[in-house]
Structures are given as C-alpha cells and as structure tokens.
N, C-alpha and C. Protein backbone atom coordinates (compact mmCIF):
# COMPACT_ATOMS: atom_id res chain seq x y z
N MET A 1 -18.06 -100.70 -40.10
CA MET A 1 -18.14 -101.82 -39.21
C MET A 1 -18.71 -101.33 -37.88
N TYR A 2 -19.64 -102.08 -37.33
CA TYR A 2 -20.26 -101.75 -36.05
C TYR A 2 -19.31 -102.14 -34.94
N SER A 3 -19.04 -101.22 -34.05
CA SER A 3 -18.12 -101.48 -32.95
C SER A 3 -18.74 -100.97 -31.65
N PRO A 4 -19.54 -101.81 -31.00
CA PRO A 4 -20.22 -101.37 -29.78
C PRO A 4 -19.23 -101.17 -28.63
N THR A 5 -19.61 -100.31 -27.71
CA THR A 5 -18.83 -100.17 -26.50
C THR A 5 -18.99 -101.41 -25.64
N ARG A 6 -18.19 -101.52 -24.62
CA ARG A 6 -18.30 -102.65 -23.70
C ARG A 6 -19.70 -102.72 -23.11
N ASP A 7 -20.21 -101.58 -22.65
CA ASP A 7 -21.54 -101.57 -22.03
C ASP A 7 -22.64 -101.88 -23.03
N GLN A 8 -22.52 -101.41 -24.27
CA GLN A 8 -23.52 -101.72 -25.29
C GLN A 8 -23.55 -103.22 -25.57
N ALA A 9 -22.38 -103.84 -25.67
CA ALA A 9 -22.32 -105.28 -25.93
C ALA A 9 -22.93 -106.05 -24.76
N ARG A 10 -22.61 -105.63 -23.56
CA ARG A 10 -23.17 -106.29 -22.38
C ARG A 10 -24.68 -106.11 -22.32
N ARG A 11 -25.14 -104.90 -22.57
CA ARG A 11 -26.59 -104.63 -22.55
C ARG A 11 -27.32 -105.51 -23.57
N PHE A 12 -26.70 -105.69 -24.73
CA PHE A 12 -27.31 -106.51 -25.78
C PHE A 12 -27.61 -107.92 -25.26
N PHE A 13 -26.63 -108.54 -24.61
CA PHE A 13 -26.85 -109.89 -24.08
C PHE A 13 -27.84 -109.89 -22.93
N ILE A 14 -27.74 -108.92 -22.04
CA ILE A 14 -28.66 -108.82 -20.91
C ILE A 14 -30.10 -108.65 -21.42
N GLU A 15 -30.29 -107.73 -22.36
CA GLU A 15 -31.63 -107.46 -22.88
C GLU A 15 -32.17 -108.62 -23.70
N SER A 16 -31.31 -109.27 -24.48
CA SER A 16 -31.76 -110.43 -25.26
C SER A 16 -32.23 -111.54 -24.34
N TRP A 17 -31.48 -111.77 -23.26
CA TRP A 17 -31.85 -112.82 -22.32
C TRP A 17 -33.13 -112.45 -21.57
N ASP A 18 -33.25 -111.18 -21.20
CA ASP A 18 -34.46 -110.72 -20.50
C ASP A 18 -35.69 -110.90 -21.40
N LYS A 19 -35.58 -110.50 -22.66
CA LYS A 19 -36.70 -110.68 -23.59
C LYS A 19 -37.06 -112.16 -23.74
N THR A 20 -36.05 -113.01 -23.80
CA THR A 20 -36.29 -114.44 -23.94
C THR A 20 -37.05 -114.97 -22.74
N ARG A 21 -36.60 -114.61 -21.56
CA ARG A 21 -37.25 -115.08 -20.33
C ARG A 21 -38.68 -114.57 -20.22
N ARG A 22 -38.93 -113.39 -20.75
CA ARG A 22 -40.28 -112.80 -20.66
C ARG A 22 -41.16 -113.17 -21.86
N GLY A 23 -40.62 -113.91 -22.82
CA GLY A 23 -41.39 -114.34 -23.98
C GLY A 23 -41.69 -113.21 -24.96
N LEU A 24 -40.83 -112.20 -24.98
CA LEU A 24 -41.02 -111.06 -25.88
C LEU A 24 -40.39 -111.35 -27.24
N PRO A 25 -40.85 -110.67 -28.28
CA PRO A 25 -40.26 -110.87 -29.61
C PRO A 25 -38.79 -110.46 -29.63
N LEU A 26 -38.02 -111.18 -30.43
CA LEU A 26 -36.59 -110.93 -30.56
C LEU A 26 -36.24 -110.65 -32.01
N SER A 27 -35.25 -109.80 -32.22
CA SER A 27 -34.70 -109.62 -33.57
C SER A 27 -33.92 -110.89 -33.92
N ALA A 28 -33.53 -111.00 -35.17
CA ALA A 28 -32.77 -112.19 -35.60
C ALA A 28 -31.46 -112.32 -34.81
N LEU A 29 -30.78 -111.22 -34.60
CA LEU A 29 -29.52 -111.26 -33.86
C LEU A 29 -29.76 -111.58 -32.39
N GLU A 30 -30.83 -111.04 -31.82
CA GLU A 30 -31.17 -111.37 -30.44
C GLU A 30 -31.51 -112.84 -30.29
N GLN A 31 -32.15 -113.44 -31.29
CA GLN A 31 -32.46 -114.86 -31.24
C GLN A 31 -31.18 -115.70 -31.19
N ILE A 32 -30.20 -115.31 -31.99
CA ILE A 32 -28.93 -116.03 -31.99
C ILE A 32 -28.26 -115.87 -30.62
N ALA A 33 -28.26 -114.65 -30.10
CA ALA A 33 -27.66 -114.40 -28.78
C ALA A 33 -28.36 -115.24 -27.71
N ALA A 34 -29.68 -115.29 -27.75
CA ALA A 34 -30.44 -116.06 -26.75
C ALA A 34 -30.10 -117.55 -26.84
N GLU A 35 -29.94 -118.06 -28.04
CA GLU A 35 -29.55 -119.47 -28.20
C GLU A 35 -28.17 -119.73 -27.62
N ILE A 36 -27.27 -118.79 -27.80
CA ILE A 36 -25.93 -118.93 -27.23
C ILE A 36 -26.01 -118.92 -25.70
N VAL A 37 -26.80 -118.01 -25.16
CA VAL A 37 -26.95 -117.93 -23.70
C VAL A 37 -27.57 -119.22 -23.16
N LYS A 38 -28.51 -119.80 -23.88
CA LYS A 38 -29.12 -121.06 -23.43
C LYS A 38 -28.08 -122.16 -23.28
N LEU A 39 -27.03 -122.10 -24.09
CA LEU A 39 -25.96 -123.10 -24.02
C LEU A 39 -25.07 -122.91 -22.79
N HIS A 40 -25.25 -121.78 -22.10
CA HIS A 40 -24.37 -121.43 -20.98
C HIS A 40 -25.19 -121.13 -19.73
N PRO A 41 -25.75 -122.16 -19.10
CA PRO A 41 -26.55 -121.92 -17.89
C PRO A 41 -25.75 -121.28 -16.76
N GLU A 42 -24.44 -121.42 -16.81
CA GLU A 42 -23.60 -120.81 -15.78
C GLU A 42 -23.64 -119.29 -15.82
N TYR A 43 -24.15 -118.71 -16.91
CA TYR A 43 -24.26 -117.25 -17.04
C TYR A 43 -25.67 -116.73 -16.80
N HIS A 44 -26.63 -117.61 -16.60
CA HIS A 44 -28.03 -117.18 -16.47
C HIS A 44 -28.25 -116.25 -15.28
N VAL A 45 -27.65 -116.55 -14.15
CA VAL A 45 -27.83 -115.69 -12.97
C VAL A 45 -27.23 -114.32 -13.23
N LEU A 46 -26.03 -114.28 -13.80
CA LEU A 46 -25.38 -113.01 -14.11
C LEU A 46 -26.26 -112.16 -15.02
N LEU A 47 -26.73 -112.76 -16.11
CA LEU A 47 -27.55 -112.01 -17.06
C LEU A 47 -28.89 -111.64 -16.46
N GLY A 48 -29.40 -112.48 -15.58
CA GLY A 48 -30.66 -112.20 -14.91
C GLY A 48 -30.55 -111.06 -13.91
N ALA A 49 -29.32 -110.71 -13.52
CA ALA A 49 -29.11 -109.60 -12.59
C ALA A 49 -29.31 -108.26 -13.28
N GLY A 50 -29.48 -108.30 -14.58
CA GLY A 50 -29.74 -107.07 -15.32
C GLY A 50 -28.55 -106.14 -15.36
N MET A 51 -28.84 -104.86 -15.26
CA MET A 51 -27.80 -103.85 -15.45
C MET A 51 -26.73 -103.87 -14.37
N ALA A 52 -26.96 -104.58 -13.28
CA ALA A 52 -25.92 -104.71 -12.24
C ALA A 52 -24.69 -105.42 -12.81
N ALA A 53 -24.89 -106.22 -13.84
CA ALA A 53 -23.77 -106.95 -14.45
C ALA A 53 -22.86 -106.05 -15.28
N LEU A 54 -23.31 -104.84 -15.56
CA LEU A 54 -22.49 -103.94 -16.39
C LEU A 54 -21.18 -103.56 -15.72
N THR A 55 -21.16 -103.51 -14.43
CA THR A 55 -19.97 -103.00 -13.74
C THR A 55 -19.00 -104.09 -13.30
N GLN A 56 -19.37 -105.34 -13.44
CA GLN A 56 -18.48 -106.42 -13.01
C GLN A 56 -17.25 -106.49 -13.89
N GLU A 57 -16.15 -106.89 -13.28
CA GLU A 57 -14.89 -107.05 -14.01
C GLU A 57 -14.39 -108.48 -13.85
N TRP A 58 -13.76 -108.99 -14.86
CA TRP A 58 -13.13 -110.31 -14.83
C TRP A 58 -11.71 -110.12 -15.34
N THR A 59 -10.75 -110.54 -14.56
CA THR A 59 -9.36 -110.39 -14.97
C THR A 59 -8.70 -111.75 -14.98
N PRO A 60 -7.64 -111.88 -15.77
CA PRO A 60 -6.91 -113.16 -15.79
C PRO A 60 -6.40 -113.55 -14.41
N GLU A 61 -6.06 -112.55 -13.60
CA GLU A 61 -5.56 -112.83 -12.27
C GLU A 61 -6.61 -113.51 -11.39
N GLN A 62 -7.89 -113.24 -11.66
CA GLN A 62 -8.97 -113.86 -10.91
C GLN A 62 -9.19 -115.31 -11.33
N GLY A 63 -8.66 -115.65 -12.49
CA GLY A 63 -8.81 -117.02 -12.97
C GLY A 63 -10.18 -117.30 -13.57
N GLU A 64 -10.95 -116.26 -13.83
CA GLU A 64 -12.27 -116.43 -14.42
C GLU A 64 -12.30 -115.80 -15.81
N ALA A 65 -12.97 -116.49 -16.72
CA ALA A 65 -13.17 -115.92 -18.05
C ALA A 65 -14.28 -114.88 -17.99
N ASN A 66 -14.16 -113.87 -18.80
CA ASN A 66 -15.18 -112.84 -18.89
C ASN A 66 -16.38 -113.44 -19.65
N PRO A 67 -17.53 -113.59 -19.00
CA PRO A 67 -18.68 -114.21 -19.66
C PRO A 67 -19.15 -113.43 -20.89
N PHE A 68 -19.05 -112.11 -20.83
CA PHE A 68 -19.50 -111.31 -21.96
C PHE A 68 -18.55 -111.45 -23.15
N LEU A 69 -17.27 -111.58 -22.88
CA LEU A 69 -16.32 -111.85 -23.96
C LEU A 69 -16.61 -113.21 -24.56
N HIS A 70 -16.84 -114.19 -23.71
CA HIS A 70 -17.13 -115.54 -24.18
C HIS A 70 -18.37 -115.55 -25.08
N LEU A 71 -19.44 -114.92 -24.62
CA LEU A 71 -20.68 -114.86 -25.42
C LEU A 71 -20.46 -114.08 -26.71
N SER A 72 -19.69 -113.01 -26.65
CA SER A 72 -19.43 -112.20 -27.85
C SER A 72 -18.62 -112.99 -28.88
N LEU A 73 -17.66 -113.77 -28.42
CA LEU A 73 -16.90 -114.60 -29.35
C LEU A 73 -17.80 -115.65 -29.99
N HIS A 74 -18.70 -116.23 -29.20
CA HIS A 74 -19.68 -117.16 -29.77
C HIS A 74 -20.50 -116.48 -30.87
N LEU A 75 -20.95 -115.27 -30.59
CA LEU A 75 -21.76 -114.54 -31.56
C LEU A 75 -20.97 -114.25 -32.83
N ALA A 76 -19.71 -113.85 -32.67
CA ALA A 76 -18.85 -113.59 -33.83
C ALA A 76 -18.68 -114.86 -34.67
N ILE A 77 -18.51 -115.99 -34.01
CA ILE A 77 -18.33 -117.25 -34.73
C ILE A 77 -19.59 -117.61 -35.52
N GLU A 78 -20.75 -117.41 -34.91
CA GLU A 78 -22.00 -117.70 -35.63
C GLU A 78 -22.10 -116.84 -36.89
N GLU A 79 -21.70 -115.58 -36.78
CA GLU A 79 -21.70 -114.69 -37.95
C GLU A 79 -20.69 -115.18 -38.99
N GLN A 80 -19.51 -115.56 -38.56
CA GLN A 80 -18.50 -116.07 -39.48
C GLN A 80 -19.00 -117.31 -40.22
N LEU A 81 -19.64 -118.20 -39.48
CA LEU A 81 -20.16 -119.42 -40.10
C LEU A 81 -21.29 -119.12 -41.08
N SER A 82 -22.07 -118.08 -40.79
CA SER A 82 -23.20 -117.77 -41.67
C SER A 82 -22.76 -117.23 -43.03
N ILE A 83 -21.54 -116.70 -43.09
CA ILE A 83 -21.05 -116.12 -44.35
C ILE A 83 -19.73 -116.74 -44.83
N ASP A 84 -19.30 -117.81 -44.15
CA ASP A 84 -18.03 -118.48 -44.47
C ASP A 84 -16.88 -117.47 -44.57
N GLN A 85 -16.73 -116.70 -43.52
CA GLN A 85 -15.68 -115.69 -43.47
C GLN A 85 -14.89 -115.84 -42.19
N PRO A 86 -13.62 -116.09 -42.20
CA PRO A 86 -12.78 -116.17 -43.39
C PRO A 86 -13.13 -117.39 -44.23
N PRO A 87 -12.93 -117.27 -45.54
CA PRO A 87 -13.27 -118.39 -46.41
C PRO A 87 -12.60 -119.69 -45.96
N GLY A 88 -13.41 -120.71 -45.80
CA GLY A 88 -12.90 -122.00 -45.35
C GLY A 88 -13.28 -122.33 -43.92
N ILE A 89 -13.83 -121.36 -43.19
CA ILE A 89 -14.18 -121.63 -41.79
C ILE A 89 -15.31 -122.67 -41.71
N CYS A 90 -16.24 -122.64 -42.66
CA CYS A 90 -17.34 -123.61 -42.62
C CYS A 90 -16.81 -125.03 -42.79
N ALA A 91 -15.89 -125.21 -43.71
CA ALA A 91 -15.31 -126.54 -43.93
C ALA A 91 -14.51 -126.98 -42.70
N ALA A 92 -13.74 -126.06 -42.13
CA ALA A 92 -12.97 -126.40 -40.93
C ALA A 92 -13.90 -126.74 -39.77
N PHE A 93 -15.00 -126.00 -39.66
CA PHE A 93 -15.95 -126.27 -38.58
C PHE A 93 -16.63 -127.62 -38.78
N ALA A 94 -16.95 -127.95 -40.02
CA ALA A 94 -17.59 -129.25 -40.31
C ALA A 94 -16.67 -130.39 -39.87
N THR A 95 -15.38 -130.25 -40.11
CA THR A 95 -14.41 -131.26 -39.70
C THR A 95 -14.34 -131.34 -38.18
N LEU A 96 -14.31 -130.18 -37.52
CA LEU A 96 -14.30 -130.15 -36.05
C LEU A 96 -15.56 -130.79 -35.48
N LEU A 97 -16.68 -130.50 -36.11
CA LEU A 97 -17.95 -131.06 -35.65
C LEU A 97 -17.93 -132.58 -35.72
N LEU A 98 -17.39 -133.11 -36.80
CA LEU A 98 -17.28 -134.57 -36.92
C LEU A 98 -16.35 -135.15 -35.86
N SER A 99 -15.23 -134.47 -35.62
CA SER A 99 -14.26 -135.01 -34.66
C SER A 99 -14.73 -134.87 -33.22
N ARG A 100 -15.49 -133.81 -32.91
CA ARG A 100 -15.95 -133.60 -31.53
C ARG A 100 -17.31 -134.25 -31.26
N GLY A 101 -18.11 -134.41 -32.31
CA GLY A 101 -19.41 -135.05 -32.16
C GLY A 101 -20.45 -134.22 -31.44
N ASP A 102 -20.14 -132.98 -31.17
CA ASP A 102 -21.05 -132.10 -30.44
C ASP A 102 -20.81 -130.67 -30.92
N ARG A 103 -21.87 -129.99 -31.34
CA ARG A 103 -21.71 -128.65 -31.90
C ARG A 103 -21.10 -127.67 -30.91
N HIS A 104 -21.58 -127.69 -29.68
CA HIS A 104 -21.07 -126.74 -28.69
C HIS A 104 -19.59 -127.00 -28.39
N LYS A 105 -19.20 -128.24 -28.31
CA LYS A 105 -17.78 -128.55 -28.08
C LYS A 105 -16.93 -128.07 -29.27
N ALA A 106 -17.43 -128.28 -30.47
CA ALA A 106 -16.72 -127.81 -31.66
C ALA A 106 -16.62 -126.28 -31.67
N LEU A 107 -17.71 -125.61 -31.27
CA LEU A 107 -17.69 -124.15 -31.20
C LEU A 107 -16.64 -123.65 -30.22
N HIS A 108 -16.47 -124.37 -29.12
CA HIS A 108 -15.48 -123.93 -28.14
C HIS A 108 -14.05 -124.08 -28.66
N VAL A 109 -13.81 -125.03 -29.54
CA VAL A 109 -12.50 -125.13 -30.18
C VAL A 109 -12.29 -123.90 -31.06
N VAL A 110 -13.31 -123.56 -31.84
CA VAL A 110 -13.22 -122.37 -32.69
C VAL A 110 -13.02 -121.12 -31.82
N LEU A 111 -13.74 -121.06 -30.72
CA LEU A 111 -13.64 -119.92 -29.82
C LEU A 111 -12.21 -119.74 -29.31
N GLU A 112 -11.56 -120.83 -28.96
CA GLU A 112 -10.17 -120.74 -28.50
C GLU A 112 -9.27 -120.18 -29.60
N CYS A 113 -9.46 -120.64 -30.81
CA CYS A 113 -8.64 -120.15 -31.93
C CYS A 113 -8.95 -118.69 -32.23
N LEU A 114 -10.21 -118.31 -32.20
CA LEU A 114 -10.57 -116.92 -32.44
C LEU A 114 -10.00 -116.02 -31.34
N GLY A 115 -10.12 -116.46 -30.10
CA GLY A 115 -9.56 -115.69 -29.00
C GLY A 115 -8.06 -115.46 -29.16
N GLU A 116 -7.36 -116.51 -29.55
CA GLU A 116 -5.92 -116.39 -29.79
C GLU A 116 -5.63 -115.43 -30.93
N THR A 117 -6.43 -115.52 -31.99
CA THR A 117 -6.25 -114.64 -33.16
C THR A 117 -6.48 -113.18 -32.79
N VAL A 118 -7.51 -112.92 -32.03
CA VAL A 118 -7.81 -111.55 -31.61
C VAL A 118 -6.71 -111.05 -30.68
N TRP A 119 -6.27 -111.90 -29.75
CA TRP A 119 -5.21 -111.51 -28.82
C TRP A 119 -3.93 -111.13 -29.57
N ARG A 120 -3.56 -111.95 -30.56
CA ARG A 120 -2.33 -111.66 -31.34
C ARG A 120 -2.48 -110.36 -32.12
N ALA A 121 -3.66 -110.15 -32.70
CA ALA A 121 -3.88 -108.91 -33.45
C ALA A 121 -3.76 -107.69 -32.54
N GLN A 122 -4.32 -107.79 -31.35
CA GLN A 122 -4.21 -106.68 -30.40
C GLN A 122 -2.76 -106.48 -29.96
N ARG A 123 -2.10 -107.57 -29.65
CA ARG A 123 -0.70 -107.49 -29.20
C ARG A 123 0.19 -106.88 -30.27
N ASP A 124 -0.03 -107.32 -31.53
CA ASP A 124 0.82 -106.87 -32.63
C ASP A 124 0.30 -105.59 -33.29
N ARG A 125 -0.85 -105.12 -32.84
CA ARG A 125 -1.48 -103.93 -33.43
C ARG A 125 -1.60 -104.07 -34.95
N SER A 126 -2.18 -105.21 -35.32
CA SER A 126 -2.35 -105.54 -36.73
C SER A 126 -3.74 -106.14 -36.93
N PRO A 127 -4.18 -106.25 -38.17
CA PRO A 127 -5.47 -106.90 -38.42
C PRO A 127 -5.39 -108.38 -38.05
N PRO A 128 -6.52 -108.98 -37.71
CA PRO A 128 -6.52 -110.42 -37.42
C PRO A 128 -6.03 -111.21 -38.64
N ASP A 129 -5.25 -112.24 -38.39
CA ASP A 129 -4.67 -113.08 -39.44
C ASP A 129 -5.61 -114.25 -39.71
N GLY A 130 -6.41 -114.14 -40.77
CA GLY A 130 -7.38 -115.18 -41.11
C GLY A 130 -6.73 -116.52 -41.41
N ALA A 131 -5.57 -116.48 -42.05
CA ALA A 131 -4.88 -117.73 -42.39
C ALA A 131 -4.40 -118.44 -41.12
N ALA A 132 -3.88 -117.68 -40.17
CA ALA A 132 -3.43 -118.27 -38.91
C ALA A 132 -4.62 -118.82 -38.12
N TYR A 133 -5.73 -118.13 -38.20
CA TYR A 133 -6.97 -118.58 -37.54
C TYR A 133 -7.40 -119.94 -38.08
N LEU A 134 -7.45 -120.05 -39.41
CA LEU A 134 -7.84 -121.32 -40.03
C LEU A 134 -6.81 -122.42 -39.74
N ASP A 135 -5.54 -122.04 -39.71
CA ASP A 135 -4.49 -123.01 -39.40
C ASP A 135 -4.68 -123.55 -37.97
N CYS A 136 -5.03 -122.68 -37.04
CA CYS A 136 -5.29 -123.10 -35.67
C CYS A 136 -6.44 -124.10 -35.64
N LEU A 137 -7.49 -123.83 -36.41
CA LEU A 137 -8.64 -124.75 -36.46
C LEU A 137 -8.23 -126.11 -37.01
N GLN A 138 -7.44 -126.08 -38.07
CA GLN A 138 -7.02 -127.34 -38.68
C GLN A 138 -6.11 -128.14 -37.75
N ARG A 139 -5.28 -127.47 -37.00
CA ARG A 139 -4.39 -128.16 -36.03
C ARG A 139 -5.19 -128.73 -34.87
N SER A 140 -6.38 -128.18 -34.62
CA SER A 140 -7.20 -128.58 -33.48
C SER A 140 -8.05 -129.80 -33.73
N VAL A 141 -8.08 -130.28 -34.95
CA VAL A 141 -8.92 -131.44 -35.29
C VAL A 141 -8.36 -132.62 -34.68
C-alpha cells in the first residue's frame, strides 16, 4: 500500500494544481486531484502559493479544517467509488446523491463518515471498520 508522507501528499496537490493552471499534461490521478481542487475555490490561493503551503499547520483549536486532509479524503473517496470498496459504497453513494441532489454535497456526507471512520481507527489503533463506515452513510441519507 502506498503511504505518502505529509509533504509528499501536499506536494501532489500543489503540483497537480500548478500543472492544471499552466495547461500541462496530467496523469490520471492528477486529473482527479485537479477536479477535486476545482470544486474548492477556497483552496486555490493556498495551492497557488506553491511550496510555501508545505509548512502551514491547521489544528482543531484554530477552528479550521486542514485543506490537504480534506482534499486527500476526497481523493480516497473517488478511489473507493471507482472500485466499490468497501463493497456497497457505490450503492450508498447513489442513494446519497439522490437525496442531496448534488454530487459535491453527497461527497461531503461521505467525507464526514470517512473522517469519522479514520479517526476511530486511529483512536482505537485498529483497521478502519468498513461496516461502520457504510452504516454511517446509510444513517446520513
């Protein structure tokens, strides 16, 4: 399993956005990342700052979400949807999409559930619970 460092993950989004703005060719994964960034104009200035964004910190005490975590969760969800992993996520997402009427709004519901699932796994020092993740999605409809 690929496990990039914090700086590698941040560089990936910064470089994908830079290539997009400059009209350079993108890999398939960079294209997905660029589409996610396009959905978040509030992050364009940060990503446009280039490598200066590598050192910024976001803490819960500041009341701001970490933009790189947010974008990374979006990217993880796109991958999950592309392979229906955990099994049933595509069906749950289709239901959310119908209830929310907007893909990005539905993705943010999934993002909240994924964030909670990752947080619990870290807290409990256990693998992410796919069943609990899907249950969260179903409760969110």
